[in-house]
N, C-alpha and C. Protein backbone atom coordinates (compact mmCIF):
# COMPACT_ATOMS: atom_id res chain seq x y z
N UNK A 1 0.37 -1.25 0.18
CA UNK A 1 -0.22 0.23 -0.10
C UNK A 1 0.57 1.28 -0.09
N UNK A 2 2.18 1.68 0.72
CA UNK A 2 2.61 2.68 0.25
C UNK A 2 3.51 2.40 -0.27
N UNK A 3 3.85 1.47 -0.82
CA UNK A 3 4.50 1.77 -2.42
C UNK A 3 3.60 2.00 -3.47
N UNK A 4 2.63 2.20 -3.56
CA UNK A 4 1.03 2.12 -4.18
C UNK A 4 0.79 3.42 -3.94
N UNK A 5 0.75 3.63 -2.71
CA UNK A 5 0.46 5.88 -2.91
C UNK A 5 1.33 6.38 -2.71
N UNK A 6 2.84 6.14 -2.45
CA UNK A 6 4.08 6.97 -2.64
C UNK A 6 5.05 6.65 -3.52
N UNK A 7 4.85 5.19 -3.60
CA UNK A 7 6.34 4.90 -4.44
C UNK A 7 7.71 4.47 -3.25
N UNK A 8 6.53 4.14 -1.93
CA UNK A 8 7.80 3.92 -0.82
C UNK A 8 7.94 2.41 -1.06
N UNK A 9 8.72 2.44 -0.97
CA UNK A 9 9.58 0.93 -1.07
C UNK A 9 10.00 -0.08 0.27
N UNK A 10 10.77 1.19 0.77
CA UNK A 10 11.10 0.74 2.50
C UNK A 10 11.28 1.86 3.45
N UNK A 11 10.80 1.56 4.80
CA UNK A 11 11.18 2.81 5.53
C UNK A 11 11.71 1.81 7.26
N UNK A 12 12.63 3.00 7.32
CA UNK A 12 13.93 3.35 8.29
C UNK A 12 13.72 3.63 9.17
N UNK A 13 13.62 3.37 10.56
CA UNK A 13 13.48 4.29 12.09
C UNK A 13 14.84 4.51 12.43
N UNK A 14 14.89 6.22 12.48
CA UNK A 14 16.47 6.24 13.08
C UNK A 14 15.92 6.12 14.46
N UNK A 15 16.32 4.82 15.18
CA UNK A 15 16.05 4.98 16.65
C UNK A 15 16.63 6.01 17.61
N UNK A 16 16.76 6.40 18.50
CA UNK A 16 17.15 7.38 19.18
C UNK A 16 16.34 9.11 18.91
N UNK A 17 17.13 10.10 19.65
CA UNK A 17 16.45 11.64 18.81
C UNK A 17 17.18 12.19 18.68
N UNK A 18 16.81 12.49 17.57
CA UNK A 18 17.77 13.39 16.50
C UNK A 18 16.63 15.47 16.84
N UNK A 19 17.34 16.32 16.66
CA UNK A 19 16.92 17.51 16.94
C UNK A 19 15.98 17.76 15.87
N UNK A 20 14.65 17.93 16.04
CA UNK A 20 13.62 17.88 15.33
C UNK A 20 13.68 19.66 14.06
N UNK A 21 14.56 20.55 14.69
CA UNK A 21 14.75 21.69 13.78
C UNK A 21 15.75 21.35 12.57
N UNK A 22 16.02 20.25 12.58
CA UNK A 22 16.79 20.21 11.65
C UNK A 22 15.97 20.03 10.29
N UNK A 23 16.59 20.80 8.98
CA UNK A 23 15.87 20.33 7.39
C UNK A 23 16.26 19.29 6.75
N UNK A 24 16.19 19.82 5.42
CA UNK A 24 16.31 18.64 4.73
C UNK A 24 17.62 18.12 4.90
N UNK A 25 18.46 19.34 5.01
CA UNK A 25 20.01 18.91 4.14
C UNK A 25 21.11 18.07 5.84
N UNK A 26 20.33 18.74 7.03
CA UNK A 26 21.01 18.45 8.64
C UNK A 26 20.31 16.81 8.65
N UNK A 27 18.88 16.25 8.16
CA UNK A 27 18.62 15.02 8.21
C UNK A 27 19.56 13.94 7.06
N UNK A 28 19.77 14.19 6.19
CA UNK A 28 20.13 14.29 5.27
C UNK A 28 22.12 13.54 5.57
N UNK A 29 22.43 14.89 6.74
CA UNK A 29 23.39 14.79 6.59
C UNK A 29 23.71 13.09 8.09
N UNK A 30 22.70 13.06 8.93
CA UNK A 30 22.23 12.56 9.80
C UNK A 30 22.18 11.33 9.18
N UNK A 31 21.60 10.85 8.85
CA UNK A 31 21.45 9.30 7.59
C UNK A 31 22.42 8.71 6.90
N UNK A 32 23.36 9.57 6.18
CA UNK A 32 25.18 9.29 6.30
C UNK A 32 26.07 8.95 6.94
N UNK A 33 26.15 10.32 7.80
CA UNK A 33 27.30 9.92 8.55
C UNK A 33 26.73 9.43 9.95
N UNK A 34 25.80 9.44 10.64
CA UNK A 34 25.26 8.38 11.70
C UNK A 34 24.96 6.60 11.46
N UNK A 35 24.37 7.22 10.52
CA UNK A 35 23.32 5.97 9.78
C UNK A 35 24.28 5.19 9.17
N UNK A 36 25.34 5.53 8.61
CA UNK A 36 25.77 4.73 7.21
C UNK A 36 24.96 4.70 6.83
N UNK A 37 23.87 5.06 5.82
CA UNK A 37 22.94 5.16 4.58
C UNK A 37 23.21 5.91 3.70
N UNK A 38 22.62 5.45 2.57
CA UNK A 38 22.77 6.22 1.68
C UNK A 38 20.80 6.95 1.34
N UNK A 39 21.32 8.41 2.24
CA UNK A 39 19.60 9.43 1.88
C UNK A 39 18.92 9.51 0.48
N UNK A 40 19.58 9.36 -0.35
CA UNK A 40 19.65 9.16 -1.76
C UNK A 40 19.16 8.32 -2.42
N UNK A 41 19.13 7.35 -1.42
CA UNK A 41 18.41 6.02 -1.77
C UNK A 41 16.53 6.02 -2.28
N UNK A 42 16.54 5.84 -3.53
CA UNK A 42 14.85 6.52 -4.50
C UNK A 42 14.26 5.43 -3.66
N UNK A 43 12.58 5.94 -3.14
CA UNK A 43 11.89 4.60 -2.72
C UNK A 43 12.07 4.27 -1.25
N UNK A 44 13.23 5.20 -0.35
CA UNK A 44 13.05 4.91 1.03
C UNK A 44 12.70 6.01 1.76
N UNK A 45 11.92 6.09 3.15
CA UNK A 45 11.81 6.83 3.78
C UNK A 45 12.44 6.69 4.93
N UNK A 46 13.08 7.67 5.55
CA UNK A 46 13.60 7.77 7.01
C UNK A 46 12.76 8.40 8.31
N UNK A 47 12.80 7.79 9.19
CA UNK A 47 11.60 8.81 10.15
C UNK A 47 12.52 8.67 11.12
N UNK A 48 12.45 9.91 12.04
CA UNK A 48 13.17 10.69 13.34
C UNK A 48 12.01 11.35 13.88
N UNK A 49 12.47 11.20 15.57
CA UNK A 49 11.45 11.81 16.68
C UNK A 49 12.33 12.23 17.22
N UNK A 50 11.78 13.36 18.73
CA UNK A 50 12.58 14.17 19.01
C UNK A 50 12.98 13.93 20.59
N UNK A 51 13.13 14.94 21.34
CA UNK A 51 12.81 14.61 22.65
C UNK A 51 11.63 14.73 22.93
N UNK A 52 10.55 15.16 22.44
CA UNK A 52 8.81 15.30 22.66
C UNK A 52 8.46 14.40 21.18
N UNK A 53 8.11 13.07 22.44
CA UNK A 53 7.33 12.13 21.47
C UNK A 53 6.38 12.20 20.91
N UNK A 54 5.49 13.31 20.48
CA UNK A 54 4.27 13.87 20.09
C UNK A 54 4.71 14.09 17.97
N UNK A 55 5.90 14.38 18.17
CA UNK A 55 6.26 14.87 17.07
C UNK A 55 7.21 13.99 15.88
N UNK A 56 7.08 14.13 14.47
CA UNK A 56 7.69 12.85 13.85
C UNK A 56 8.39 13.66 12.63
N UNK A 57 9.57 13.35 12.01
CA UNK A 57 9.73 14.29 10.78
C UNK A 57 10.06 12.46 9.90
N UNK A 58 9.96 12.97 8.64
CA UNK A 58 10.22 11.60 7.48
C UNK A 58 10.95 12.58 6.14
N UNK A 59 11.99 11.65 5.64
CA UNK A 59 12.96 12.41 4.38
C UNK A 59 12.42 11.35 3.44
N UNK A 60 12.21 11.90 2.40
CA UNK A 60 12.07 10.34 1.35
C UNK A 60 12.72 11.88 0.15
N UNK A 61 13.44 10.82 -0.46
CA UNK A 61 13.91 11.04 -1.76
C UNK A 61 12.95 10.76 -3.07
N UNK A 62 12.19 11.63 -3.61
CA UNK A 62 11.64 11.11 -4.48
C UNK A 62 12.46 10.85 -6.10
N UNK A 63 14.14 10.92 -6.06
CA UNK A 63 14.70 10.48 -7.51
C UNK A 63 14.98 12.58 -8.26
N UNK A 64 13.47 13.12 -8.20
CA UNK A 64 13.95 14.45 -8.42
C UNK A 64 14.74 15.49 -7.31
N UNK A 65 14.10 14.88 -5.91
CA UNK A 65 14.22 15.80 -4.96
C UNK A 65 13.49 15.12 -3.94
N UNK A 66 13.93 16.00 -2.74
CA UNK A 66 13.62 15.19 -1.03
C UNK A 66 11.91 15.67 -0.76
N UNK A 67 11.39 15.00 0.00
CA UNK A 67 10.31 15.24 0.23
C UNK A 67 9.92 15.34 1.76
N UNK A 68 9.74 16.07 2.62
CA UNK A 68 9.92 16.36 4.41
C UNK A 68 8.47 16.25 4.68
N UNK A 69 8.55 15.01 5.34
CA UNK A 69 7.25 15.43 5.98
C UNK A 69 7.30 15.23 7.62
N UNK A 70 6.39 15.49 7.96
CA UNK A 70 5.99 15.86 9.56
C UNK A 70 4.88 15.39 9.97
N UNK A 71 4.47 15.01 10.91
CA UNK A 71 3.32 14.78 11.62
C UNK A 71 3.57 15.14 12.84
N UNK A 72 2.00 15.83 13.81
CA UNK A 72 2.11 16.06 15.47
C UNK A 72 0.81 15.24 15.77
N UNK A 73 1.40 14.72 16.41
CA UNK A 73 -0.07 13.81 17.22
C UNK A 73 -1.22 15.20 17.98
N UNK A 74 -2.17 14.97 17.84
CA UNK A 74 -3.12 15.54 18.90
C UNK A 74 -3.37 15.85 20.33
N UNK A 75 -3.28 14.09 20.16
CA UNK A 75 -3.35 13.81 21.56
C UNK A 75 -2.54 12.12 21.30
N UNK A 76 -1.81 12.14 22.91
CA UNK A 76 -0.75 10.91 23.20
C UNK A 76 0.51 11.10 22.57
N UNK A 77 1.73 10.38 22.71
CA UNK A 77 2.51 10.33 22.55
C UNK A 77 3.73 9.17 21.30
N UNK A 78 3.81 8.99 20.72
CA UNK A 78 4.47 7.81 20.08
C UNK A 78 5.69 6.77 20.62
N UNK A 79 5.39 6.07 21.08
CA UNK A 79 6.27 5.07 21.76
C UNK A 79 7.84 4.59 20.82
N UNK A 80 8.39 5.51 20.92
CA UNK A 80 9.85 5.99 19.92
C UNK A 80 10.44 4.98 20.81
N UNK A 81 11.46 3.96 20.30
CA UNK A 81 12.54 3.49 20.65
C UNK A 81 14.05 3.95 21.18
N UNK A 82 14.32 4.24 21.98
CA UNK A 82 15.44 5.40 22.47
C UNK A 82 16.83 4.67 22.49
N UNK A 83 16.54 3.70 23.07
CA UNK A 83 17.88 2.80 23.41
C UNK A 83 19.02 3.02 22.77
N UNK A 84 18.94 2.55 21.89
CA UNK A 84 19.74 2.33 20.43
C UNK A 84 19.93 3.59 19.14
N UNK A 85 21.43 3.88 18.55
CA UNK A 85 21.57 4.52 18.06
C UNK A 85 21.84 4.00 16.86
N UNK A 86 20.80 2.61 16.44
CA UNK A 86 21.31 2.14 14.87
C UNK A 86 19.31 2.59 14.52
N UNK A 87 19.61 2.34 13.35
CA UNK A 87 18.45 2.46 12.26
C UNK A 87 17.85 1.01 11.90
N UNK A 88 16.36 1.02 12.11
CA UNK A 88 16.20 -0.25 12.10
C UNK A 88 15.14 -0.28 10.67
N UNK A 89 15.14 -1.26 10.24
CA UNK A 89 14.45 -1.33 8.64
C UNK A 89 12.81 -1.53 9.28
N UNK A 90 11.51 -1.26 8.90
CA UNK A 90 10.43 -1.17 9.20
C UNK A 90 9.22 -2.06 8.10
N UNK A 91 8.80 -2.99 8.53
CA UNK A 91 7.69 -3.80 7.42
C UNK A 91 6.44 -3.07 7.21
N UNK A 92 5.63 -2.86 6.87
CA UNK A 92 4.60 -2.26 6.35
C UNK A 92 3.75 -2.32 7.51
N UNK A 93 3.32 -3.06 8.10
CA UNK A 93 2.58 -3.23 9.61
C UNK A 93 3.29 -2.59 10.41
N UNK A 94 4.77 -3.06 10.60
CA UNK A 94 5.45 -1.95 11.63
C UNK A 94 5.16 -0.69 11.27
N UNK A 95 5.06 -0.03 10.21
CA UNK A 95 4.78 1.62 10.12
C UNK A 95 3.21 1.75 10.60
N UNK A 96 2.38 0.81 10.42
CA UNK A 96 0.87 1.38 10.84
C UNK A 96 1.27 1.22 12.35
N UNK A 97 1.64 0.28 13.18
CA UNK A 97 1.61 0.47 14.42
C UNK A 97 2.23 1.64 14.53
N UNK A 98 3.31 1.93 13.81
CA UNK A 98 4.27 3.29 14.61
C UNK A 98 3.34 4.78 14.70
N UNK A 99 2.49 4.23 13.39
CA UNK A 99 0.97 5.88 13.38
C UNK A 99 0.13 5.40 14.47
N UNK A 100 0.20 4.12 14.91
CA UNK A 100 -0.81 4.30 16.23
C UNK A 100 -0.63 4.71 17.46
N UNK A 101 1.04 4.95 17.71
CA UNK A 101 1.46 5.60 18.63
C UNK A 101 1.81 4.02 19.85
N UNK A 102 2.19 3.14 18.90
CA UNK A 102 2.75 1.92 19.62
C UNK A 102 4.32 1.62 18.49
N UNK A 103 5.14 1.25 19.97
CA UNK A 103 6.48 0.87 19.14
C UNK A 103 6.42 -0.40 18.71
N UNK A 104 6.97 0.41 17.11
CA UNK A 104 7.25 -1.37 16.10
C UNK A 104 7.79 -2.30 16.60
N UNK A 105 8.91 -2.03 17.44
CA UNK A 105 10.07 -3.04 17.37
C UNK A 105 9.80 -3.89 18.28
N UNK A 106 8.77 -3.77 19.58
CA UNK A 106 8.56 -4.59 21.04
C UNK A 106 7.51 -5.56 20.25
N UNK A 107 8.12 -6.60 20.30
CA UNK A 107 7.55 -7.68 20.46
C UNK A 107 5.58 -8.21 20.90
N UNK A 108 5.22 -7.34 21.89
CA UNK A 108 3.59 -7.35 21.97
C UNK A 108 3.02 -6.52 20.94
N UNK A 109 3.62 -5.94 20.08
CA UNK A 109 2.64 -5.44 18.99
C UNK A 109 2.19 -6.26 18.41
N UNK A 110 2.71 -7.07 18.08
CA UNK A 110 2.09 -8.51 16.88
C UNK A 110 0.61 -8.45 17.47
N UNK A 111 0.04 -8.48 18.47
CA UNK A 111 -1.87 -8.55 18.67
C UNK A 111 -2.33 -7.67 18.43
N UNK A 112 -1.62 -6.61 17.97
CA UNK A 112 -2.69 -5.46 17.92
C UNK A 112 -3.03 -5.50 16.15
N UNK A 113 -4.00 -5.19 15.75
CA UNK A 113 -4.34 -5.42 13.89
C UNK A 113 -4.69 -3.75 14.12
N UNK A 114 -3.37 -3.38 12.69
CA UNK A 114 -3.83 -1.57 12.13
C UNK A 114 -5.11 -1.23 12.16
N UNK A 115 -5.14 -0.47 11.75
CA UNK A 115 -6.50 0.13 11.79
C UNK A 115 -7.81 -0.01 12.80
N UNK A 116 -7.45 -0.85 13.60
CA UNK A 116 -8.10 -0.95 14.85
C UNK A 116 -8.26 0.19 16.06
N UNK A 117 -9.45 0.34 16.18
CA UNK A 117 -8.68 1.33 17.27
C UNK A 117 -9.07 0.63 18.89
N UNK A 118 -8.21 0.91 20.12
CA UNK A 118 -8.24 0.65 21.80
C UNK A 118 -8.69 1.89 22.54
């Protein structure tokens, strides 16, 4: 579904915190320097979270330019993995868990069905 909608074939979660005041260039540098990944990889969405867990930024290379995404939850917070300084690749199902405010890397989320409101 993500690929059909936006051409997203891969979702990479940048664990830990990132200064969300950074723009495209700053986030692209973090992707390359800290996580040793290519920010120009077409079809890859990189996701970042700051200290406040109610906001998320995404960086996506479309082939001709970057798309910068920003989401702010009106109620609640994201359960973002903070302990590791590595990047984790997410499945589409894990991405949906993240958008529900759940930690996509915790095993307990397997019992939750995307789209269901709890």
